[in-house]
Amino acid sequence: MTSNIAESLNAVTKYARELPIVELLEYIRTLLKRWTKEKLLKAKGTFTYLGFKFNKELDDNRTLSHKLGVRASTDYIHTVLDGVSRYIICLENKRCSCGQFQLDGLPCTHALAALRHMDESFEQYCSPYYTK
């Protein structure tokens, strides 16, 4: 373990140093690009309510939820239409007829559609096990 940046780069580029100069510079450029991207993703995950993995899963579900139709029955009970399928969501009990909401502890695609329809955020509907 060393704090000297030159020694760290020498260790990483040990095999690439034998390449011609253009390929060496390209290798170093892609290496630095990959490191920057990894650090950026890690930094973005620092300021979210959930962990990075679970936040990504919710983002994917949120994208899918935009295609669904929602009908409100009461303040907490909604019917979500997904083509010919219908799902009943009870936000008060954190339940969905698909079973995913109560199984995962994270709002499923149908629950996120209902939350979007109500203009509510998803944070209070996530299990505390997924929070930071």
C-alpha atoms as a PDB file:
ATOM      1  CA  MET A   1       0.000   0.000   0.000  1.00  0.00           C
ATOM      2  CA  THR A   2       1.445   3.333  -0.975  1.00  0.00           C
ATOM      3  CA  SER A   3       0.322   6.930  -0.998  1.00  0.00           C
ATOM      4  CA  ASN A   4       2.565   7.887  -3.907  1.00  0.00           C
ATOM      5  CA  ILE A   5       0.395   8.301  -7.027  1.00  0.00           C
ATOM      6  CA  ALA A   6       3.287   7.544  -9.360  1.00  0.00           C
ATOM      7  CA  GLU A   7       3.891   4.171  -7.709  1.00  0.00           C
ATOM      8  CA  SER A   8       0.171   3.376  -7.898  1.00  0.00           C
ATOM      9  CA  LEU A   9       0.010   4.173 -11.614  1.00  0.00           C
ATOM     10  CA  ASN A  10       3.198   2.188 -12.236  1.00  0.00           C
ATOM     11  CA  ALA A  11       1.630  -0.851 -10.590  1.00  0.00           C
ATOM     12  CA  VAL A  12      -1.556  -0.594 -12.665  1.00  0.00           C
ATOM     13  CA  THR A  13       0.194   0.076 -15.981  1.00  0.00           C
ATOM     14  CA  LYS A  14       2.897  -2.539 -15.460  1.00  0.00           C
ATOM     15  CA  TYR A  15       1.995  -4.641 -18.517  1.00  0.00           C
ATOM     16  CA  ALA A  16       0.791  -1.733 -20.651  1.00  0.00           C
ATOM     17  CA  ARG A  17       4.215  -0.031 -20.518  1.00  0.00           C
ATOM     18  CA  GLU A  18       5.467  -2.455 -23.138  1.00  0.00           C
ATOM     19  CA  LEU A  19       2.899  -1.190 -25.667  1.00  0.00           C
ATOM     20  CA  PRO A  20       3.671   1.491 -28.259  1.00  0.00           C
ATOM     21  CA  ILE A  21       3.130   5.041 -26.979  1.00  0.00           C
ATOM     22  CA  VAL A  22      -0.248   5.597 -28.675  1.00  0.00           C
ATOM     23  CA  GLU A  23      -1.698   2.370 -27.251  1.00  0.00           C
ATOM     24  CA  LEU A  24      -0.199   3.159 -23.827  1.00  0.00           C
ATOM     25  CA  LEU A  25      -1.855   6.574 -23.775  1.00  0.00           C
ATOM     26  CA  GLU A  26      -5.156   5.056 -24.904  1.00  0.00           C
ATOM     27  CA  TYR A  27      -4.900   2.433 -22.147  1.00  0.00           C
ATOM     28  CA  ILE A  28      -4.268   5.110 -19.509  1.00  0.00           C
ATOM     29  CA  ARG A  29      -7.121   7.261 -20.866  1.00  0.00           C
ATOM     30  CA  THR A  30      -9.632   4.395 -20.678  1.00  0.00           C
ATOM     31  CA  LEU A  31      -8.344   3.422 -17.230  1.00  0.00           C
ATOM     32  CA  LEU A  32      -8.849   6.952 -15.894  1.00  0.00           C
ATOM     33  CA  LYS A  33     -12.258   7.147 -17.581  1.00  0.00           C
ATOM     34  CA  ARG A  34     -13.342   3.894 -15.911  1.00  0.00           C
ATOM     35  CA  TRP A  35     -12.082   5.057 -12.495  1.00  0.00           C
ATOM     36  CA  THR A  36     -13.890   8.382 -12.854  1.00  0.00           C
ATOM     37  CA  LYS A  37     -17.134   6.662 -13.826  1.00  0.00           C
ATOM     38  CA  GLU A  38     -16.920   4.258 -10.861  1.00  0.00           C
ATOM     39  CA  LYS A  39     -16.260   7.093  -8.418  1.00  0.00           C
ATOM     40  CA  LEU A  40     -19.070   9.168  -9.898  1.00  0.00           C
ATOM     41  CA  LEU A  41     -21.567   6.318  -9.523  1.00  0.00           C
ATOM     42  CA  LYS A  42     -20.423   5.756  -5.962  1.00  0.00           C
ATOM     43  CA  ALA A  43     -20.761   9.467  -5.178  1.00  0.00           C
ATOM     44  CA  LYS A  44     -24.257   9.623  -6.693  1.00  0.00           C
ATOM     45  CA  GLY A  45     -25.307   6.722  -4.480  1.00  0.00           C
ATOM     46  CA  THR A  46     -24.138   8.599  -1.395  1.00  0.00           C
ATOM     47  CA  PHE A  47     -26.912  11.189  -1.539  1.00  0.00           C
ATOM     48  CA  THR A  48     -29.867   8.886  -2.106  1.00  0.00           C
ATOM     49  CA  TYR A  49     -32.388   7.662   0.419  1.00  0.00           C
ATOM     50  CA  LEU A  50     -31.819   4.014  -0.494  1.00  0.00           C
ATOM     51  CA  GLY A  51     -28.704   2.035  -1.285  1.00  0.00           C
ATOM     52  CA  PHE A  52     -27.378   2.211  -4.841  1.00  0.00           C
ATOM     53  CA  LYS A  53     -28.657  -1.237  -5.869  1.00  0.00           C
ATOM     54  CA  PHE A  54     -32.169  -0.636  -4.558  1.00  0.00           C
ATOM     55  CA  ASN A  55     -32.332   2.887  -5.933  1.00  0.00           C
ATOM     56  CA  LYS A  56     -31.503   1.501  -9.384  1.00  0.00           C
ATOM     57  CA  GLU A  57     -34.231  -1.139  -9.030  1.00  0.00           C
ATOM     58  CA  LEU A  58     -36.757   1.578  -8.137  1.00  0.00           C
ATOM     59  CA  ASP A  59     -35.636   3.681 -11.099  1.00  0.00           C
ATOM     60  CA  ASP A  60     -36.242   0.714 -13.403  1.00  0.00           C
ATOM     61  CA  ASN A  61     -39.677   0.134 -11.857  1.00  0.00           C
ATOM     62  CA  ARG A  62     -40.488   3.844 -12.137  1.00  0.00           C
ATOM     63  CA  THR A  63     -39.667   3.776 -15.853  1.00  0.00           C
ATOM     64  CA  LEU A  64     -41.998   0.815 -16.372  1.00  0.00           C
ATOM     65  CA  SER A  65     -44.763   2.432 -14.303  1.00  0.00           C
ATOM     66  CA  HIS A  66     -45.223   5.291 -16.789  1.00  0.00           C
ATOM     67  CA  LYS A  67     -46.947   2.879 -19.197  1.00  0.00           C
ATOM     68  CA  LEU A  68     -49.634   1.880 -16.687  1.00  0.00           C
ATOM     69  CA  GLY A  69     -53.085   3.364 -16.188  1.00  0.00           C
ATOM     70  CA  VAL A  70     -54.335   4.143 -12.680  1.00  0.00           C
ATOM     71  CA  ARG A  71     -57.839   4.477 -11.247  1.00  0.00           C
ATOM     72  CA  ALA A  72     -58.232   5.632  -7.659  1.00  0.00           C
ATOM     73  CA  SER A  73     -60.911   3.892  -5.595  1.00  0.00           C
ATOM     74  CA  THR A  74     -60.149   5.607  -2.290  1.00  0.00           C
ATOM     75  CA  ASP A  75     -57.211   7.594  -0.930  1.00  0.00           C
ATOM     76  CA  TYR A  76     -55.159   4.430  -0.434  1.00  0.00           C
ATOM     77  CA  ILE A  77     -56.715   1.838  -2.767  1.00  0.00           C
ATOM     78  CA  HIS A  78     -55.977   2.033  -6.485  1.00  0.00           C
ATOM     79  CA  THR A  79     -56.579  -0.145  -9.509  1.00  0.00           C
ATOM     80  CA  VAL A  80     -53.646  -0.270 -11.900  1.00  0.00           C
ATOM     81  CA  LEU A  81     -54.293  -1.344 -15.482  1.00  0.00           C
ATOM     82  CA  ASP A  82     -51.474  -3.095 -17.324  1.00  0.00           C
ATOM     83  CA  GLY A  83     -52.912  -3.970 -20.717  1.00  0.00           C
ATOM     84  CA  VAL A  84     -55.577  -6.581 -19.910  1.00  0.00           C
ATOM     85  CA  SER A  85     -54.287  -7.250 -16.375  1.00  0.00           C
ATOM     86  CA  ARG A  86     -55.583  -5.422 -13.315  1.00  0.00           C
ATOM     87  CA  TYR A  87     -53.744  -5.034 -10.057  1.00  0.00           C
ATOM     88  CA  ILE A  88     -55.189  -3.754  -6.793  1.00  0.00           C
ATOM     89  CA  ILE A  89     -52.833  -1.625  -4.700  1.00  0.00           C
ATOM     90  CA  CYS A  90     -53.412  -0.782  -1.038  1.00  0.00           C
ATOM     91  CA  LEU A  91     -50.834   1.843  -0.096  1.00  0.00           C
ATOM     92  CA  GLU A  92     -51.974   1.977   3.525  1.00  0.00           C
ATOM     93  CA  ASN A  93     -51.037  -1.696   4.074  1.00  0.00           C
ATOM     94  CA  LYS A  94     -48.219  -1.679   1.490  1.00  0.00           C
ATOM     95  CA  ARG A  95     -49.805  -4.488  -0.525  1.00  0.00           C
ATOM     96  CA  CYS A  96     -50.228  -5.259  -4.219  1.00  0.00           C
ATOM     97  CA  SER A  97     -52.158  -8.098  -5.790  1.00  0.00           C
ATOM     98  CA  CYS A  98     -49.016  -9.069  -7.759  1.00  0.00           C
ATOM     99  CA  GLY A  99     -47.348  -9.897  -4.422  1.00  0.00           C
ATOM    100  CA  GLN A 100     -44.070  -8.146  -5.225  1.00  0.00           C
ATOM    101  CA  PHE A 101     -44.663  -5.113  -2.988  1.00  0.00           C
ATOM    102  CA  GLN A 102     -45.121  -7.134   0.204  1.00  0.00           C
ATOM    103  CA  LEU A 103     -42.442  -9.674  -0.751  1.00  0.00           C
ATOM    104  CA  ASP A 104     -39.624  -7.202  -1.475  1.00  0.00           C
ATOM    105  CA  GLY A 105     -40.562  -4.362   0.828  1.00  0.00           C
ATOM    106  CA  LEU A 106     -39.989  -1.991  -2.097  1.00  0.00           C
ATOM    107  CA  PRO A 107     -42.808  -0.468  -4.164  1.00  0.00           C
ATOM    108  CA  CYS A 108     -43.434  -2.555  -7.271  1.00  0.00           C
ATOM    109  CA  THR A 109     -44.157  -1.074 -10.680  1.00  0.00           C
ATOM    110  CA  HIS A 110     -47.892  -0.938  -9.933  1.00  0.00           C
ATOM    111  CA  ALA A 111     -47.411   0.769  -6.560  1.00  0.00           C
ATOM    112  CA  LEU A 112     -45.107   3.348  -8.132  1.00  0.00           C
ATOM    113  CA  ALA A 113     -47.773   4.085 -10.753  1.00  0.00           C
ATOM    114  CA  ALA A 114     -50.305   4.654  -7.961  1.00  0.00           C
ATOM    115  CA  LEU A 115     -47.859   6.867  -6.052  1.00  0.00           C
ATOM    116  CA  ARG A 116     -47.168   8.889  -9.193  1.00  0.00           C
ATOM    117  CA  HIS A 117     -50.932   9.281  -9.693  1.00  0.00           C
ATOM    118  CA  MET A 118     -51.239  10.618  -6.125  1.00  0.00           C
ATOM    119  CA  ASP A 119     -48.119  12.820  -6.490  1.00  0.00           C
ATOM    120  CA  GLU A 120     -46.484  11.166  -3.469  1.00  0.00           C
ATOM    121  CA  SER A 121     -42.871  10.176  -2.962  1.00  0.00           C
ATOM    122  CA  PHE A 122     -41.891   6.550  -2.537  1.00  0.00           C
ATOM    123  CA  GLU A 123     -39.615   6.903   0.531  1.00  0.00           C
ATOM    124  CA  GLN A 124     -42.224   6.208   3.205  1.00  0.00           C
ATOM    125  CA  TYR A 125     -43.331   3.052   1.355  1.00  0.00           C
ATOM    126  CA  CYS A 126     -39.882   1.428   1.345  1.00  0.00           C
ATOM    127  CA  SER A 127     -38.843  -1.017   4.030  1.00  0.00           C
ATOM    128  CA  PRO A 128     -36.355   0.515   6.503  1.00  0.00           C
ATOM    129  CA  TYR A 129     -33.994  -2.386   5.761  1.00  0.00           C
ATOM    130  CA  TYR A 130     -33.091  -0.794   2.413  1.00  0.00           C
ATOM    131  CA  THR A 131     -32.387   2.709   3.731  1.00  0.00           C
ATOM    132  CA  LYS A 132     -28.976   4.082   4.566  1.00  0.00           C
END
